[in-house]
Amino acid sequence: MEIKTQIMDAAQMSRSLTRITHEIIEKNRGLEDICLVGIKSRGIPLAWRLAETAYRFEGVQIPVGYVDVSLYRDDLSEITDVPEAAGSQFPFDITGKTVILVDDVIFTGRTARAGIEAVFAVGRPKRLQLAELVDRGHRELPIKPDYVGKNVPTSHEEHIRVQVTEVDGVDGVFICKNSESAELSAEE
């Protein structure tokens, strides 16, 4: 995949996550009964960053868990022949809580839908919200994030690549030229 342009650097990512944290606090009138669930893989470190930022602002420790949505995807056969479930982790009860699903990029909405199914397989939250670092449009399902760091209009020939220090050793968001193999990779 060839990088066309960088659209966010580490400082811009940090500012976006700070703004999302403020929006979460405002929309929910505080952080009571809030928990964050990162969608594997880059949604997990983003969820932890939101939790750390919330703690700095409000002094409240928000529980963080994660989901692996690979077995919940409706386009599974297009992505891989043999799905691997690395598991999900909820070190807390989500019943009656506001669960905020966190991911790096929303595109068609299929990963978000799979995340919603994975959450409901564990319990029944009072409310479910969606936080995305980047919204690139082109939705195939009627899913709209509650919190978005940056809206980036893209063509179908482009791909958004989010890098986080915890996984990639560096923070950044890039628009890349899409290739045939990238099209078959997991949804952004």
N, C-alpha and C. Protein backbone atom coordinates (compact mmCIF):
# COMPACT_ATOMS: atom_id res chain seq x y z
N MET A 1 0.84 -1.17 0.00
CA MET A 1 0.00 0.00 0.00
C MET A 1 0.89 1.24 0.00
N GLU A 2 0.63 2.12 -0.91
CA GLU A 2 1.42 3.34 -1.05
C GLU A 2 0.75 4.50 -0.30
N ILE A 3 1.50 5.16 0.58
CA ILE A 3 0.98 6.29 1.34
C ILE A 3 0.86 7.50 0.43
N LYS A 4 -0.35 8.10 0.38
CA LYS A 4 -0.56 9.32 -0.39
C LYS A 4 -0.28 10.55 0.45
N THR A 5 -0.84 10.57 1.67
CA THR A 5 -0.68 11.74 2.53
C THR A 5 -0.95 11.39 3.98
N GLN A 6 -0.32 12.14 4.87
CA GLN A 6 -0.60 11.98 6.30
C GLN A 6 -1.67 13.01 6.66
N ILE A 7 -2.74 12.54 7.32
CA ILE A 7 -3.82 13.46 7.67
C ILE A 7 -3.86 13.78 9.16
N MET A 8 -3.19 12.98 9.97
CA MET A 8 -3.09 13.27 11.40
C MET A 8 -1.72 12.82 11.89
N ASP A 9 -1.09 13.65 12.71
CA ASP A 9 0.14 13.24 13.38
C ASP A 9 -0.19 12.93 14.83
N ALA A 10 0.80 12.64 15.63
CA ALA A 10 0.57 12.25 17.03
C ALA A 10 -0.16 13.34 17.81
N ALA A 11 0.22 14.60 17.60
CA ALA A 11 -0.42 15.70 18.33
C ALA A 11 -1.88 15.85 17.91
N GLN A 12 -2.17 15.72 16.63
CA GLN A 12 -3.55 15.83 16.16
C GLN A 12 -4.40 14.66 16.67
N MET A 13 -3.82 13.47 16.72
CA MET A 13 -4.55 12.33 17.28
C MET A 13 -4.87 12.58 18.74
N SER A 14 -3.90 13.08 19.49
CA SER A 14 -4.09 13.36 20.91
C SER A 14 -5.19 14.40 21.11
N ARG A 15 -5.18 15.46 20.31
CA ARG A 15 -6.22 16.49 20.42
C ARG A 15 -7.60 15.92 20.11
N SER A 16 -7.68 15.06 19.09
CA SER A 16 -8.96 14.44 18.74
C SER A 16 -9.48 13.56 19.87
N LEU A 17 -8.59 12.77 20.47
CA LEU A 17 -9.01 11.92 21.59
C LEU A 17 -9.40 12.74 22.81
N THR A 18 -8.73 13.86 23.03
CA THR A 18 -9.10 14.76 24.12
C THR A 18 -10.49 15.33 23.88
N ARG A 19 -10.77 15.75 22.65
CA ARG A 19 -12.09 16.29 22.32
C ARG A 19 -13.17 15.23 22.48
N ILE A 20 -12.89 14.00 22.01
CA ILE A 20 -13.85 12.91 22.16
C ILE A 20 -14.14 12.66 23.65
N THR A 21 -13.10 12.70 24.47
CA THR A 21 -13.29 12.50 25.91
C THR A 21 -14.20 13.56 26.49
N HIS A 22 -13.98 14.81 26.13
CA HIS A 22 -14.85 15.90 26.60
C HIS A 22 -16.29 15.68 26.13
N GLU A 23 -16.46 15.24 24.89
CA GLU A 23 -17.81 15.00 24.37
C GLU A 23 -18.49 13.85 25.12
N ILE A 24 -17.74 12.81 25.45
CA ILE A 24 -18.29 11.69 26.22
C ILE A 24 -18.77 12.18 27.57
N ILE A 25 -17.95 12.97 28.24
CA ILE A 25 -18.31 13.50 29.56
C ILE A 25 -19.55 14.37 29.46
N GLU A 26 -19.59 15.24 28.46
CA GLU A 26 -20.73 16.15 28.30
C GLU A 26 -22.00 15.40 27.95
N LYS A 27 -21.94 14.51 26.97
CA LYS A 27 -23.14 13.80 26.51
C LYS A 27 -23.73 12.91 27.60
N ASN A 28 -22.85 12.33 28.43
CA ASN A 28 -23.31 11.41 29.47
C ASN A 28 -23.43 12.06 30.84
N ARG A 29 -23.24 13.38 30.89
CA ARG A 29 -23.32 14.15 32.14
C ARG A 29 -22.42 13.56 33.21
N GLY A 30 -21.18 13.29 32.81
CA GLY A 30 -20.21 12.71 33.72
C GLY A 30 -19.80 11.34 33.24
N LEU A 31 -19.17 10.59 34.12
CA LEU A 31 -18.63 9.29 33.74
C LEU A 31 -19.20 8.13 34.55
N GLU A 32 -20.27 8.39 35.27
CA GLU A 32 -20.88 7.34 36.08
C GLU A 32 -21.45 6.24 35.19
N ASP A 33 -21.14 5.01 35.51
CA ASP A 33 -21.62 3.83 34.78
C ASP A 33 -21.18 3.78 33.33
N ILE A 34 -20.03 4.39 33.03
CA ILE A 34 -19.46 4.35 31.68
C ILE A 34 -18.38 3.27 31.65
N CYS A 35 -18.33 2.52 30.56
CA CYS A 35 -17.20 1.63 30.34
C CYS A 35 -16.83 1.68 28.86
N LEU A 36 -15.55 1.48 28.60
CA LEU A 36 -15.03 1.55 27.24
C LEU A 36 -14.67 0.14 26.78
N VAL A 37 -15.01 -0.16 25.52
CA VAL A 37 -14.70 -1.46 24.94
C VAL A 37 -14.03 -1.21 23.60
N GLY A 38 -12.73 -1.51 23.51
CA GLY A 38 -11.99 -1.34 22.27
C GLY A 38 -12.21 -2.50 21.35
N ILE A 39 -12.36 -2.19 20.07
CA ILE A 39 -12.47 -3.24 19.05
C ILE A 39 -11.06 -3.58 18.61
N LYS A 40 -10.73 -4.86 18.70
CA LYS A 40 -9.39 -5.33 18.37
C LYS A 40 -9.08 -4.98 16.93
N SER A 41 -7.96 -4.41 16.60
CA SER A 41 -6.79 -4.30 17.43
C SER A 41 -6.48 -2.86 17.83
N ARG A 42 -6.59 -1.89 16.92
CA ARG A 42 -6.20 -0.53 17.28
C ARG A 42 -7.24 0.20 18.13
N GLY A 43 -8.44 -0.32 18.21
CA GLY A 43 -9.44 0.28 19.09
C GLY A 43 -9.09 0.08 20.56
N ILE A 44 -8.31 -0.95 20.86
CA ILE A 44 -7.94 -1.22 22.26
C ILE A 44 -7.04 -0.13 22.82
N PRO A 45 -5.91 0.21 22.18
CA PRO A 45 -5.10 1.29 22.75
C PRO A 45 -5.82 2.64 22.73
N LEU A 46 -6.70 2.86 21.75
CA LEU A 46 -7.45 4.11 21.73
C LEU A 46 -8.41 4.18 22.92
N ALA A 47 -9.03 3.05 23.27
CA ALA A 47 -9.92 3.01 24.44
C ALA A 47 -9.13 3.32 25.72
N TRP A 48 -7.93 2.74 25.85
CA TRP A 48 -7.10 3.01 27.03
C TRP A 48 -6.71 4.49 27.09
N ARG A 49 -6.42 5.08 25.94
CA ARG A 49 -6.06 6.50 25.92
C ARG A 49 -7.24 7.37 26.35
N LEU A 50 -8.44 7.02 25.89
CA LEU A 50 -9.63 7.76 26.32
C LEU A 50 -9.81 7.64 27.83
N ALA A 51 -9.61 6.43 28.36
CA ALA A 51 -9.75 6.22 29.80
C ALA A 51 -8.73 7.05 30.58
N GLU A 52 -7.49 7.08 30.10
CA GLU A 52 -6.45 7.87 30.77
C GLU A 52 -6.76 9.36 30.73
N THR A 53 -7.26 9.83 29.59
CA THR A 53 -7.62 11.25 29.46
C THR A 53 -8.79 11.58 30.39
N ALA A 54 -9.78 10.71 30.46
CA ALA A 54 -10.92 10.92 31.35
C ALA A 54 -10.47 10.98 32.80
N TYR A 55 -9.51 10.14 33.16
CA TYR A 55 -8.99 10.14 34.53
C TYR A 55 -8.30 11.47 34.85
N ARG A 56 -7.53 11.99 33.89
CA ARG A 56 -6.87 13.29 34.08
C ARG A 56 -7.88 14.41 34.28
N PHE A 57 -8.99 14.37 33.54
CA PHE A 57 -9.99 15.44 33.62
C PHE A 57 -10.90 15.31 34.83
N GLU A 58 -11.36 14.09 35.11
CA GLU A 58 -12.41 13.89 36.10
C GLU A 58 -11.97 13.09 37.32
N GLY A 59 -10.80 12.47 37.29
CA GLY A 59 -10.35 11.66 38.40
C GLY A 59 -11.14 10.37 38.56
N VAL A 60 -11.79 9.95 37.48
CA VAL A 60 -12.61 8.74 37.49
C VAL A 60 -11.93 7.67 36.66
N GLN A 61 -11.77 6.49 37.24
CA GLN A 61 -11.18 5.36 36.53
C GLN A 61 -12.29 4.64 35.77
N ILE A 62 -12.26 4.73 34.44
CA ILE A 62 -13.27 4.06 33.62
C ILE A 62 -12.77 2.65 33.28
N PRO A 63 -13.60 1.63 33.50
CA PRO A 63 -13.17 0.28 33.13
C PRO A 63 -13.03 0.14 31.61
N VAL A 64 -12.02 -0.62 31.19
CA VAL A 64 -11.74 -0.83 29.77
C VAL A 64 -11.68 -2.32 29.49
N GLY A 65 -12.36 -2.72 28.45
CA GLY A 65 -12.31 -4.10 27.97
C GLY A 65 -12.10 -4.09 26.47
N TYR A 66 -12.17 -5.27 25.86
CA TYR A 66 -12.04 -5.30 24.41
C TYR A 66 -12.82 -6.47 23.83
N VAL A 67 -13.11 -6.35 22.54
CA VAL A 67 -13.79 -7.41 21.81
C VAL A 67 -13.01 -7.74 20.54
N ASP A 68 -13.01 -9.01 20.22
CA ASP A 68 -12.51 -9.49 18.94
C ASP A 68 -13.76 -9.79 18.13
N VAL A 69 -13.98 -9.03 17.06
CA VAL A 69 -15.23 -9.15 16.31
C VAL A 69 -15.14 -10.12 15.14
N SER A 70 -14.01 -10.78 14.96
CA SER A 70 -13.80 -11.59 13.76
C SER A 70 -14.88 -12.65 13.55
N LEU A 71 -15.37 -13.27 14.60
CA LEU A 71 -16.41 -14.29 14.43
C LEU A 71 -17.81 -13.72 14.30
N TYR A 72 -17.96 -12.42 14.46
CA TYR A 72 -19.27 -11.78 14.37
C TYR A 72 -19.47 -11.07 13.04
N ARG A 73 -18.48 -11.09 12.17
CA ARG A 73 -18.57 -10.36 10.90
C ARG A 73 -19.43 -11.12 9.90
N ASP A 74 -20.24 -10.38 9.14
CA ASP A 74 -21.08 -11.01 8.14
C ASP A 74 -20.36 -11.20 6.81
N ASP A 75 -19.17 -10.61 6.68
CA ASP A 75 -18.38 -10.76 5.46
C ASP A 75 -17.15 -11.63 5.71
N LEU A 76 -17.25 -12.51 6.68
CA LEU A 76 -16.12 -13.32 7.13
C LEU A 76 -15.48 -14.12 6.01
N SER A 77 -16.27 -14.73 5.15
CA SER A 77 -15.70 -15.57 4.09
C SER A 77 -14.94 -14.75 3.06
N GLU A 78 -15.23 -13.46 2.95
CA GLU A 78 -14.50 -12.61 2.01
C GLU A 78 -13.15 -12.19 2.58
N ILE A 79 -13.01 -12.22 3.90
CA ILE A 79 -11.79 -11.75 4.55
C ILE A 79 -10.79 -12.87 4.75
N THR A 80 -11.27 -14.03 5.19
CA THR A 80 -10.37 -15.14 5.50
C THR A 80 -11.12 -16.46 5.40
N ASP A 81 -10.39 -17.52 5.15
CA ASP A 81 -11.01 -18.84 5.10
C ASP A 81 -11.27 -19.39 6.49
N VAL A 82 -10.32 -19.16 7.40
CA VAL A 82 -10.44 -19.70 8.75
C VAL A 82 -10.32 -18.55 9.75
N PRO A 83 -11.44 -18.14 10.37
CA PRO A 83 -11.37 -17.06 11.33
C PRO A 83 -10.65 -17.49 12.60
N GLU A 84 -9.96 -16.54 13.20
CA GLU A 84 -9.31 -16.81 14.48
C GLU A 84 -9.90 -15.90 15.53
N ALA A 85 -10.38 -16.48 16.59
CA ALA A 85 -10.93 -15.70 17.67
C ALA A 85 -9.89 -15.59 18.78
N ALA A 86 -9.34 -14.41 18.92
CA ALA A 86 -8.35 -14.21 19.98
C ALA A 86 -9.04 -13.87 21.29
N GLY A 87 -10.35 -13.82 21.25
CA GLY A 87 -11.12 -13.62 22.45
C GLY A 87 -11.46 -12.19 22.75
N SER A 88 -12.31 -12.04 23.70
CA SER A 88 -12.74 -10.75 24.19
C SER A 88 -12.50 -10.74 25.68
N GLN A 89 -12.37 -9.55 26.22
CA GLN A 89 -12.15 -9.45 27.66
C GLN A 89 -13.02 -8.34 28.22
N PHE A 90 -13.86 -8.71 29.16
CA PHE A 90 -14.70 -7.77 29.88
C PHE A 90 -14.44 -7.99 31.37
N PRO A 91 -13.50 -7.26 31.95
CA PRO A 91 -13.22 -7.44 33.38
C PRO A 91 -14.23 -6.70 34.25
N PHE A 92 -15.45 -6.57 33.77
CA PHE A 92 -16.51 -5.86 34.47
C PHE A 92 -17.84 -6.31 33.90
N ASP A 93 -18.91 -6.08 34.65
CA ASP A 93 -20.25 -6.40 34.20
C ASP A 93 -20.79 -5.21 33.42
N ILE A 94 -21.28 -5.44 32.20
CA ILE A 94 -21.79 -4.34 31.38
C ILE A 94 -23.29 -4.10 31.56
N THR A 95 -23.95 -4.97 32.28
CA THR A 95 -25.39 -4.86 32.47
C THR A 95 -25.74 -3.52 33.12
N GLY A 96 -26.63 -2.78 32.46
CA GLY A 96 -27.07 -1.50 32.98
C GLY A 96 -26.08 -0.36 32.82
N LYS A 97 -24.98 -0.59 32.14
CA LYS A 97 -23.94 0.43 31.95
C LYS A 97 -24.07 1.08 30.56
N THR A 98 -23.41 2.20 30.41
CA THR A 98 -23.25 2.80 29.09
C THR A 98 -21.92 2.29 28.53
N VAL A 99 -22.00 1.48 27.49
CA VAL A 99 -20.82 0.90 26.87
C VAL A 99 -20.47 1.75 25.64
N ILE A 100 -19.23 2.21 25.60
CA ILE A 100 -18.76 2.96 24.44
C ILE A 100 -17.78 2.09 23.69
N LEU A 101 -18.20 1.65 22.49
CA LEU A 101 -17.33 0.88 21.60
C LEU A 101 -16.35 1.84 20.96
N VAL A 102 -15.07 1.50 20.94
CA VAL A 102 -14.03 2.38 20.41
C VAL A 102 -13.29 1.65 19.29
N ASP A 103 -13.14 2.33 18.14
CA ASP A 103 -12.38 1.76 17.04
C ASP A 103 -11.63 2.88 16.32
N ASP A 104 -10.72 2.48 15.43
CA ASP A 104 -9.89 3.47 14.76
C ASP A 104 -10.58 4.11 13.56
N VAL A 105 -11.20 3.32 12.68
CA VAL A 105 -11.82 3.85 11.46
C VAL A 105 -13.16 3.19 11.24
N ILE A 106 -14.16 3.98 10.87
CA ILE A 106 -15.42 3.41 10.43
C ILE A 106 -15.54 3.65 8.93
N PHE A 107 -15.93 2.60 8.24
CA PHE A 107 -16.04 2.63 6.78
C PHE A 107 -17.44 2.13 6.44
N THR A 108 -17.63 0.86 6.17
CA THR A 108 -18.92 0.32 5.78
C THR A 108 -19.89 0.19 6.95
N GLY A 109 -19.35 0.07 8.16
CA GLY A 109 -20.17 -0.13 9.35
C GLY A 109 -20.23 -1.57 9.79
N ARG A 110 -19.63 -2.47 9.03
CA ARG A 110 -19.71 -3.89 9.36
C ARG A 110 -18.93 -4.26 10.62
N THR A 111 -17.79 -3.64 10.84
CA THR A 111 -17.04 -3.91 12.07
C THR A 111 -17.81 -3.39 13.28
N ALA A 112 -18.41 -2.20 13.16
CA ALA A 112 -19.20 -1.66 14.26
C ALA A 112 -20.39 -2.57 14.57
N ARG A 113 -21.07 -3.06 13.54
CA ARG A 113 -22.20 -3.97 13.74
C ARG A 113 -21.73 -5.24 14.44
N ALA A 114 -20.60 -5.77 14.03
CA ALA A 114 -20.05 -6.97 14.67
C ALA A 114 -19.69 -6.68 16.12
N GLY A 115 -19.16 -5.50 16.39
CA GLY A 115 -18.84 -5.10 17.76
C GLY A 115 -20.08 -5.03 18.63
N ILE A 116 -21.15 -4.51 18.07
CA ILE A 116 -22.42 -4.43 18.80
C ILE A 116 -22.90 -5.84 19.15
N GLU A 117 -22.85 -6.75 18.19
CA GLU A 117 -23.25 -8.14 18.46
C GLU A 117 -22.37 -8.77 19.54
N ALA A 118 -21.07 -8.51 19.47
CA ALA A 118 -20.15 -9.08 20.47
C ALA A 118 -20.47 -8.56 21.87
N VAL A 119 -20.81 -7.29 21.98
CA VAL A 119 -21.17 -6.72 23.28
C VAL A 119 -22.44 -7.38 23.81
N PHE A 120 -23.46 -7.50 22.97
CA PHE A 120 -24.72 -8.09 23.42
C PHE A 120 -24.59 -9.59 23.71
N ALA A 121 -23.56 -10.23 23.20
CA ALA A 121 -23.31 -11.63 23.53
C ALA A 121 -22.82 -11.77 24.96
N VAL A 122 -22.30 -10.68 25.53
CA VAL A 122 -21.75 -10.69 26.89
C VAL A 122 -22.77 -10.23 27.92
N GLY A 123 -23.63 -9.30 27.54
CA GLY A 123 -24.60 -8.77 28.49
C GLY A 123 -25.48 -7.73 27.83
N ARG A 124 -26.29 -7.09 28.65
CA ARG A 124 -27.22 -6.11 28.11
C ARG A 124 -26.93 -4.74 28.73
N PRO A 125 -26.22 -3.88 27.98
CA PRO A 125 -25.95 -2.54 28.50
C PRO A 125 -27.21 -1.68 28.48
N LYS A 126 -27.20 -0.65 29.30
CA LYS A 126 -28.30 0.32 29.31
C LYS A 126 -28.31 1.08 27.99
N ARG A 127 -27.10 1.40 27.53
CA ARG A 127 -26.95 2.21 26.32
C ARG A 127 -25.63 1.82 25.66
N LEU A 128 -25.59 1.91 24.34
CA LEU A 128 -24.39 1.61 23.58
C LEU A 128 -24.07 2.80 22.69
N GLN A 129 -22.82 3.27 22.77
CA GLN A 129 -22.38 4.39 21.96
C GLN A 129 -21.14 3.97 21.18
N LEU A 130 -20.84 4.71 20.11
CA LEU A 130 -19.72 4.37 19.24
C LEU A 130 -18.79 5.56 19.09
N ALA A 131 -17.50 5.33 19.35
CA ALA A 131 -16.47 6.36 19.19
C ALA A 131 -15.47 5.88 18.14
N GLU A 132 -15.20 6.72 17.15
CA GLU A 132 -14.28 6.39 16.06
C GLU A 132 -13.27 7.52 15.91
N LEU A 133 -12.01 7.17 15.75
CA LEU A 133 -11.00 8.19 15.50
C LEU A 133 -11.22 8.84 14.14
N VAL A 134 -11.54 8.03 13.11
CA VAL A 134 -11.73 8.54 11.76
C VAL A 134 -13.00 7.95 11.16
N ASP A 135 -13.80 8.80 10.53
CA ASP A 135 -14.98 8.37 9.76
C ASP A 135 -14.68 8.69 8.30
N ARG A 136 -14.57 7.65 7.48
CA ARG A 136 -14.24 7.86 6.07
C ARG A 136 -15.44 7.77 5.15
N GLY A 137 -16.64 7.58 5.72
CA GLY A 137 -17.84 7.53 4.89
C GLY A 137 -18.03 6.17 4.24
N HIS A 138 -18.89 6.14 3.22
CA HIS A 138 -19.18 4.95 2.42
C HIS A 138 -19.91 3.87 3.22
N ARG A 139 -20.81 4.27 4.12
CA ARG A 139 -21.52 3.31 4.95
C ARG A 139 -22.41 2.40 4.12
N GLU A 140 -22.41 1.13 4.45
CA GLU A 140 -23.31 0.13 3.85
C GLU A 140 -24.42 -0.24 4.82
N LEU A 141 -24.24 0.09 6.10
CA LEU A 141 -25.23 -0.18 7.13
C LEU A 141 -25.61 1.14 7.80
N PRO A 142 -26.82 1.23 8.34
CA PRO A 142 -27.25 2.50 8.95
C PRO A 142 -26.67 2.70 10.35
N ILE A 143 -25.35 2.90 10.40
CA ILE A 143 -24.65 3.06 11.67
C ILE A 143 -23.92 4.39 11.63
N LYS A 144 -24.13 5.20 12.68
CA LYS A 144 -23.49 6.50 12.76
C LYS A 144 -22.81 6.63 14.12
N PRO A 145 -21.51 6.94 14.12
CA PRO A 145 -20.81 7.08 15.41
C PRO A 145 -21.34 8.26 16.22
N ASP A 146 -21.29 8.10 17.54
CA ASP A 146 -21.66 9.19 18.44
C ASP A 146 -20.52 10.19 18.57
N TYR A 147 -19.29 9.70 18.44
CA TYR A 147 -18.10 10.54 18.62
C TYR A 147 -17.13 10.24 17.47
N VAL A 148 -16.65 11.29 16.82
CA VAL A 148 -15.71 11.14 15.70
C VAL A 148 -14.58 12.13 15.88
N GLY A 149 -13.35 11.63 15.77
CA GLY A 149 -12.19 12.50 15.85
C GLY A 149 -12.01 13.34 14.61
N LYS A 150 -12.19 12.72 13.43
CA LYS A 150 -12.00 13.44 12.17
C LYS A 150 -12.80 12.75 11.08
N ASN A 151 -13.55 13.54 10.31
CA ASN A 151 -14.24 13.04 9.13
C ASN A 151 -13.30 13.22 7.94
N VAL A 152 -13.07 12.15 7.18
CA VAL A 152 -12.15 12.19 6.05
C VAL A 152 -12.85 11.60 4.83
N PRO A 153 -13.32 12.46 3.94
CA PRO A 153 -13.93 11.92 2.71
C PRO A 153 -12.87 11.18 1.90
N THR A 154 -13.20 9.98 1.48
CA THR A 154 -12.27 9.16 0.70
C THR A 154 -12.99 8.57 -0.50
N SER A 155 -12.21 8.08 -1.44
CA SER A 155 -12.77 7.31 -2.55
C SER A 155 -12.65 5.83 -2.18
N HIS A 156 -13.32 5.00 -2.95
CA HIS A 156 -13.21 3.56 -2.71
C HIS A 156 -11.82 3.03 -3.04
N GLU A 157 -11.05 3.77 -3.82
CA GLU A 157 -9.70 3.35 -4.18
C GLU A 157 -8.68 3.70 -3.10
N GLU A 158 -9.13 4.39 -2.07
CA GLU A 158 -8.23 4.79 -1.00
C GLU A 158 -8.48 3.95 0.25
N HIS A 159 -7.52 3.99 1.12
CA HIS A 159 -7.55 3.21 2.36
C HIS A 159 -7.03 4.13 3.48
N ILE A 160 -7.64 4.08 4.64
CA ILE A 160 -7.14 4.84 5.79
C ILE A 160 -6.31 3.90 6.65
N ARG A 161 -5.10 4.30 6.95
CA ARG A 161 -4.21 3.51 7.80
C ARG A 161 -3.94 4.28 9.08
N VAL A 162 -4.41 3.73 10.20
CA VAL A 162 -4.15 4.33 11.51
C VAL A 162 -3.01 3.57 12.15
N GLN A 163 -2.03 4.30 12.65
CA GLN A 163 -0.94 3.68 13.38
C GLN A 163 -0.95 4.23 14.80
N VAL A 164 -0.77 3.34 15.76
CA VAL A 164 -0.69 3.73 17.17
C VAL A 164 0.61 3.18 17.74
N THR A 165 1.20 3.95 18.62
CA THR A 165 2.49 3.59 19.20
C THR A 165 2.46 2.19 19.82
N GLU A 166 1.38 1.85 20.50
CA GLU A 166 1.29 0.57 21.20
C GLU A 166 1.37 -0.63 20.26
N VAL A 167 0.97 -0.46 19.01
CA VAL A 167 0.98 -1.56 18.03
C VAL A 167 2.07 -1.36 16.98
N ASP A 168 2.20 -0.12 16.51
CA ASP A 168 3.06 0.17 15.35
C ASP A 168 4.34 0.92 15.68
N GLY A 169 4.48 1.37 16.92
CA GLY A 169 5.67 2.12 17.31
C GLY A 169 5.62 3.59 17.00
N VAL A 170 4.54 4.07 16.38
CA VAL A 170 4.39 5.48 16.02
C VAL A 170 2.90 5.80 15.90
N ASP A 171 2.54 7.06 16.13
CA ASP A 171 1.17 7.52 15.96
C ASP A 171 1.04 8.26 14.64
N GLY A 172 -0.02 7.99 13.91
CA GLY A 172 -0.29 8.72 12.68
C GLY A 172 -1.48 8.13 11.94
N VAL A 173 -2.11 8.97 11.12
CA VAL A 173 -3.22 8.52 10.27
C VAL A 173 -2.86 8.92 8.84
N PHE A 174 -2.99 7.96 7.94
CA PHE A 174 -2.55 8.16 6.56
C PHE A 174 -3.63 7.75 5.58
N ILE A 175 -3.69 8.44 4.45
CA ILE A 175 -4.49 7.99 3.32
C ILE A 175 -3.52 7.26 2.40
N CYS A 176 -3.90 6.04 2.04
CA CYS A 176 -3.06 5.22 1.17
C CYS A 176 -3.84 4.86 -0.09
N LYS A 177 -3.09 4.59 -1.15
CA LYS A 177 -3.71 4.03 -2.35
C LYS A 177 -4.03 2.59 -2.05
N ASN A 178 -5.25 2.21 -2.36
CA ASN A 178 -5.70 0.85 -2.08
C ASN A 178 -5.16 -0.12 -3.11
N SER A 179 -4.86 -1.31 -2.67
CA SER A 179 -4.46 -2.37 -3.58
C SER A 179 -5.45 -3.50 -3.44
N GLU A 180 -5.42 -4.43 -4.35
CA GLU A 180 -6.35 -5.56 -4.31
C GLU A 180 -6.26 -6.33 -2.99
N SER A 181 -5.06 -6.55 -2.45
CA SER A 181 -4.92 -7.30 -1.21
C SER A 181 -5.42 -6.51 -0.02
N ALA A 182 -5.27 -5.19 -0.07
CA ALA A 182 -5.76 -4.36 1.04
C ALA A 182 -7.28 -4.37 1.09
N GLU A 183 -7.91 -4.45 -0.07
CA GLU A 183 -9.37 -4.47 -0.14
C GLU A 183 -9.92 -5.69 0.57
N LEU A 184 -9.17 -6.79 0.58
CA LEU A 184 -9.63 -8.01 1.20
C LEU A 184 -9.23 -8.12 2.67
N SER A 185 -8.49 -7.12 3.17
CA SER A 185 -8.11 -7.16 4.58
C SER A 185 -9.31 -6.78 5.43
N ALA A 186 -9.16 -6.90 6.72
CA ALA A 186 -10.26 -6.56 7.63
C ALA A 186 -10.68 -5.13 7.41
N GLU A 187 -11.98 -4.88 7.62
CA GLU A 187 -12.51 -3.52 7.46
C GLU A 187 -11.77 -2.58 8.39
N GLU A 188 -11.68 -1.36 7.94
CA GLU A 188 -11.04 -0.33 8.77
C GLU A 188 -11.94 0.01 9.92
